[in-house]
Protein backbone atom coordinates (compact mmCIF):
# COMPACT_ATOMS: atom_id res chain seq x y z
CA MET A 1 43.88 31.49 -18.95
CA LEU A 2 40.87 33.77 -19.05
CA ASP A 3 40.81 34.88 -15.34
CA TRP A 4 40.42 38.58 -16.73
CA LEU A 5 37.08 37.85 -17.78
CA ARG A 6 33.86 38.38 -15.88
CA ARG A 7 30.86 36.17 -16.48
CA ASP A 8 27.82 38.01 -17.30
CA PRO A 9 24.46 35.89 -17.77
CA ARG A 10 23.04 38.37 -20.25
CA ARG A 11 26.26 38.99 -22.59
CA ALA A 12 28.35 36.08 -21.93
CA VAL A 13 31.71 37.93 -20.85
CA THR A 14 32.75 41.41 -20.06
CA LEU A 15 36.13 43.25 -20.01
CA THR A 16 36.97 45.90 -17.43
CA LEU A 17 37.82 49.08 -19.38
CA ALA A 18 38.53 52.28 -17.34
CA GLY A 19 36.65 50.97 -14.38
CA ARG A 20 33.57 50.09 -16.47
CA GLU A 21 32.39 46.41 -17.41
CA VAL A 22 32.04 46.36 -21.26
CA PRO A 23 30.38 43.39 -22.85
CA VAL A 24 32.58 41.44 -25.38
CA GLU A 25 30.71 40.27 -28.43
CA VAL A 26 32.43 37.62 -30.64
CA ARG A 27 30.94 37.27 -34.22
CA ARG A 28 32.10 34.40 -36.32
CA LEU A 29 31.92 35.04 -40.17
CA ALA A 30 32.37 32.62 -42.88
CA HIS A 31 33.90 35.26 -45.21
CA ALA A 32 36.25 36.73 -42.52
CA ARG A 33 39.95 36.27 -43.19
CA ARG A 34 41.35 37.75 -40.02
CA LEU A 35 40.56 38.76 -36.58
CA THR A 36 39.28 42.35 -36.14
CA LEU A 37 38.52 44.27 -33.00
CA ARG A 38 36.75 47.45 -32.53
CA LEU A 39 34.71 49.29 -29.84
CA ALA A 40 31.01 49.94 -30.53
CA PRO A 41 30.59 53.61 -31.46
CA ASP A 42 28.74 54.44 -28.24
CA GLY A 43 31.20 52.38 -26.14
CA SER A 44 28.62 49.78 -25.10
CA ALA A 45 30.59 46.66 -26.32
CA VAL A 46 33.80 45.45 -27.62
CA ARG A 47 33.21 43.70 -30.81
CA ILE A 48 35.47 40.93 -32.27
CA THR A 49 34.92 39.39 -35.72
CA ILE A 50 36.83 36.17 -36.30
CA PRO A 51 37.02 33.49 -39.07
CA ARG A 52 35.28 30.28 -38.66
CA TRP A 53 38.30 28.34 -37.53
CA THR A 54 39.53 30.86 -35.01
CA PRO A 55 39.16 29.72 -31.40
CA THR A 56 36.94 31.84 -29.17
CA GLY A 57 39.57 31.80 -26.50
CA GLU A 58 42.16 33.31 -28.97
CA ALA A 59 39.94 36.15 -29.81
CA LEU A 60 39.19 36.96 -26.17
CA GLU A 61 42.91 36.98 -25.24
CA PHE A 62 43.47 39.25 -28.07
CA ALA A 63 41.01 41.70 -26.80
CA ARG A 64 42.60 41.52 -23.31
CA SER A 65 46.04 42.15 -24.98
CA ARG A 66 44.55 45.29 -26.63
CA GLN A 67 43.04 46.51 -23.30
CA ASP A 68 45.14 49.74 -23.21
CA TRP A 69 44.12 50.54 -26.85
CA LEU A 70 40.41 50.05 -26.08
CA GLU A 71 40.58 52.18 -23.09
CA ARG A 72 42.04 54.94 -25.10
CA GLN A 73 39.43 54.60 -27.76
CA LEU A 74 36.74 54.64 -24.80
CA GLU A 75 38.16 57.93 -23.52
CA ARG A 76 37.88 59.44 -27.02
CA LEU A 77 34.32 58.99 -27.29
CA VAL A 78 32.28 62.19 -27.46
CA PRO A 79 29.37 61.97 -24.96
CA PRO A 80 26.02 62.49 -26.29
CA GLN A 81 24.85 66.23 -26.10
CA PRO A 82 21.16 66.57 -25.83
CA LEU A 83 19.73 69.07 -28.08
CA ALA A 84 17.88 71.95 -26.38
CA PRO A 85 17.40 75.65 -26.81
CA GLY A 86 20.54 77.34 -26.34
CA ALA A 87 22.70 74.48 -27.49
CA SER A 88 25.11 74.51 -30.44
CA LEU A 89 24.64 72.56 -33.45
CA PRO A 90 27.20 72.41 -36.12
CA TRP A 91 25.84 72.96 -39.78
CA ARG A 92 28.08 72.32 -42.60
CA GLY A 93 30.92 72.70 -40.34
CA VAL A 94 29.85 76.04 -38.77
CA PRO A 95 28.54 76.00 -35.17
CA ARG A 96 24.85 77.60 -35.00
CA LEU A 97 22.95 78.53 -31.85
CA LEU A 98 19.66 76.63 -31.60
CA LEU A 99 16.85 78.90 -30.82
CA HIS A 100 13.37 77.94 -29.99
CA ASP A 101 10.09 79.74 -30.12
CA ALA A 102 7.05 77.81 -29.11
CA THR A 103 4.61 80.51 -30.56
CA ALA A 104 6.18 80.53 -34.02
CA ARG A 105 5.03 78.09 -36.73
CA ARG A 106 6.48 74.57 -36.84
CA GLY A 107 9.33 74.50 -39.00
CA VAL A 108 13.17 75.18 -39.21
CA THR A 109 14.84 78.28 -40.38
CA LEU A 110 18.33 78.54 -40.89
CA GLU A 111 20.06 81.84 -39.96
CA PRO A 112 23.74 83.26 -40.38
CA ALA A 113 24.57 82.22 -36.77
CA ALA A 114 21.43 80.16 -35.53
CA ILE A 115 19.02 77.61 -36.28
CA ARG A 116 15.54 78.69 -35.40
CA VAL A 117 12.78 76.16 -34.68
CA GLY A 118 9.24 76.71 -33.84
CA GLY A 119 6.39 74.55 -32.40
CA ALA A 120 6.25 72.51 -29.22
CA VAL A 121 9.63 71.95 -27.49
CA GLU A 122 8.87 68.35 -27.11
CA SER A 123 9.05 67.50 -30.71
CA LEU A 124 11.88 69.80 -31.19
CA VAL A 125 14.59 67.06 -31.66
CA PRO A 126 12.76 64.77 -34.27
CA ARG A 127 11.72 67.82 -36.28
CA LEU A 128 15.31 69.03 -36.38
CA ARG A 129 16.51 65.54 -37.37
CA ARG A 130 14.01 65.41 -40.16
CA TRP A 131 15.15 68.83 -41.39
CA VAL A 132 18.89 67.91 -41.21
CA GLN A 133 18.16 64.66 -43.20
CA ALA A 134 16.04 66.52 -45.86
CA GLU A 135 18.86 68.98 -46.15
CA ALA A 136 21.40 66.45 -46.26
CA ARG A 137 19.61 64.83 -49.17
CA SER A 138 19.55 68.02 -51.12
CA LEU A 139 23.29 68.61 -50.49
CA PHE A 140 24.13 64.92 -51.54
CA GLN A 141 22.06 65.11 -54.69
CA ALA A 142 23.87 68.49 -55.73
CA ASP A 143 27.30 66.87 -55.00
CA LEU A 144 26.32 63.56 -57.03
CA ALA A 145 25.12 65.81 -59.93
CA ASP A 146 28.48 67.44 -59.93
CA TYR A 147 30.74 64.45 -59.51
CA ALA A 148 28.84 61.76 -61.58
CA PRO A 149 29.14 63.54 -65.17
CA ARG A 150 32.86 64.09 -64.33
CA ALA A 151 33.18 60.47 -63.68
CA GLY A 152 31.48 59.57 -66.97
CA VAL A 153 28.64 57.84 -65.11
CA SER A 154 24.80 58.44 -64.63
CA LEU A 155 23.40 59.94 -61.70
CA PRO A 156 23.26 57.18 -59.31
CA PRO A 157 20.21 56.36 -56.90
CA LEU A 158 20.62 57.77 -53.52
CA ALA A 159 19.85 56.55 -50.12
CA LEU A 160 20.39 57.94 -46.61
CA THR A 161 21.94 55.86 -43.97
CA SER A 162 22.33 56.18 -40.24
CA ALA A 163 25.33 53.58 -40.23
CA GLN A 164 27.56 53.90 -37.06
CA ARG A 165 30.86 53.02 -38.78
CA ARG A 166 30.63 53.99 -42.33
CA TRP A 167 30.20 57.40 -44.01
CA GLY A 168 29.20 56.12 -47.32
CA SER A 169 29.11 53.04 -49.40
CA CYS A 170 28.25 51.89 -53.02
CA SER A 171 26.41 48.78 -53.83
CA THR A 172 27.11 46.55 -56.89
CA GLY A 173 23.80 47.77 -58.26
CA GLY A 174 25.00 51.24 -58.24
CA VAL A 175 23.08 52.84 -55.29
CA VAL A 176 25.23 55.32 -53.40
CA ARG A 177 24.40 55.38 -49.58
CA LEU A 178 25.61 58.38 -47.63
CA ASN A 179 25.38 59.12 -43.83
CA TRP A 180 23.16 62.12 -43.30
CA ARG A 181 25.19 63.34 -40.38
CA LEU A 182 27.82 64.44 -43.03
CA ALA A 183 25.65 67.50 -43.53
CA LEU A 184 26.92 68.73 -40.10
CA ALA A 185 30.60 68.46 -41.33
CA PRO A 186 32.35 71.09 -43.37
CA ASP A 187 31.41 71.02 -47.03
CA ALA A 188 34.90 69.68 -48.25
CA VAL A 189 34.62 66.64 -45.68
CA ARG A 190 31.21 65.89 -46.99
CA ARG A 191 32.10 66.17 -50.64
CA SER A 192 35.15 64.09 -50.31
CA VAL A 193 32.86 61.19 -49.23
CA VAL A 194 30.55 61.77 -52.06
CA ALA A 195 33.53 61.81 -54.46
CA HIS A 196 34.69 58.48 -53.05
CA GLU A 197 31.56 56.76 -53.60
CA VAL A 198 31.21 58.16 -57.20
CA ALA A 199 34.72 56.89 -58.04
CA HIS A 200 33.57 53.58 -56.81
CA LEU A 201 30.84 53.63 -59.47
CA VAL A 202 33.77 53.31 -62.05
CA HIS A 203 36.34 51.29 -59.97
CA PHE A 204 34.61 48.96 -57.36
CA ASP A 205 37.79 48.73 -55.52
CA HIS A 206 40.69 50.72 -54.07
CA SER A 207 43.08 50.13 -56.83
CA PRO A 208 45.46 52.63 -58.25
CA ARG A 209 43.03 53.47 -60.85
CA PHE A 210 40.44 54.35 -58.18
CA HIS A 211 42.56 56.47 -56.28
CA ALA A 212 43.60 58.35 -59.60
CA LEU A 213 40.04 58.96 -60.41
CA LEU A 214 39.17 60.11 -56.94
CA ALA A 215 42.04 62.57 -57.07
CA THR A 216 40.73 64.07 -60.33
CA LEU A 217 37.15 64.34 -59.05
CA PHE A 218 37.90 65.86 -55.63
CA GLU A 219 38.76 69.56 -55.93
CA GLU A 220 40.44 69.98 -52.54
CA ASP A 221 42.93 68.11 -50.47
CA LEU A 222 41.89 64.59 -49.67
CA ALA A 223 44.36 64.02 -46.90
CA VAL A 224 42.98 67.20 -44.94
CA ALA A 225 39.36 65.97 -45.35
CA ASN A 226 40.32 62.56 -44.29
CA THR A 227 42.26 63.82 -41.33
CA TRP A 228 39.32 65.93 -40.25
CA LEU A 229 36.89 63.00 -40.53
CA LYS A 230 39.19 60.81 -38.65
CA ALA A 231 39.59 63.32 -35.75
CA HIS A 232 36.25 64.94 -35.63
CA GLY A 233 33.76 62.35 -37.13
CA ARG A 234 32.58 61.04 -33.86
CA THR A 235 31.39 64.60 -32.95
CA LEU A 236 28.91 64.35 -35.62
CA TYR A 237 26.92 61.76 -33.73
CA ALA A 238 26.79 63.67 -30.37
CA PRO A 239 23.72 65.82 -31.37
CA PHE A 240 21.45 63.01 -32.44
CA GLY A 241 23.04 59.92 -31.11
């Protein structure tokens, strides 16, 4: 029945997608209620989550049946774009030219059409990453300071995340976690995610009350922001991986 699978001594089984052998990872979770299938953000694996009682063979056959869909997802992946002098880096939705001067002081300077980095070129990427993360924290804190009072809640603790599948989350303890790559997106997109998590501080669900509060908090068109994130969100991972 599973003749489409290729045995791999390191990863159990693989599925051929667009001419590539992609490992299939099956994870059985006690709290899972249904089978879910997704492609790893970097295309490195097909990941299947199943309830405890679901036969593994059924999960693998489901992956095979969705092969066309998986191949389309693989084709949509944005290849990594190594950051180097002369490259373009989006900042708050606006492409900026990355300029480097080894003789200048170590640091990052934001200009209207460029981002200028000084110091050794070998450490350019990690320094730029730290700068983006620091700026992202400042932007998020300002967003939270705006939305929290309007939602009638205290300013929540903030944590940055590098999650591959989630742009934001809110814990039961009231900690808001936000993906620092959102600083590269247009302001309205970033703020839509922050407003979403603030609304969860009041309604820890996706009930009509939650959506009603979110609609009052966010000042722009949620549908437009969500559409942008769905269409272009993966591009935010390209510069830093």
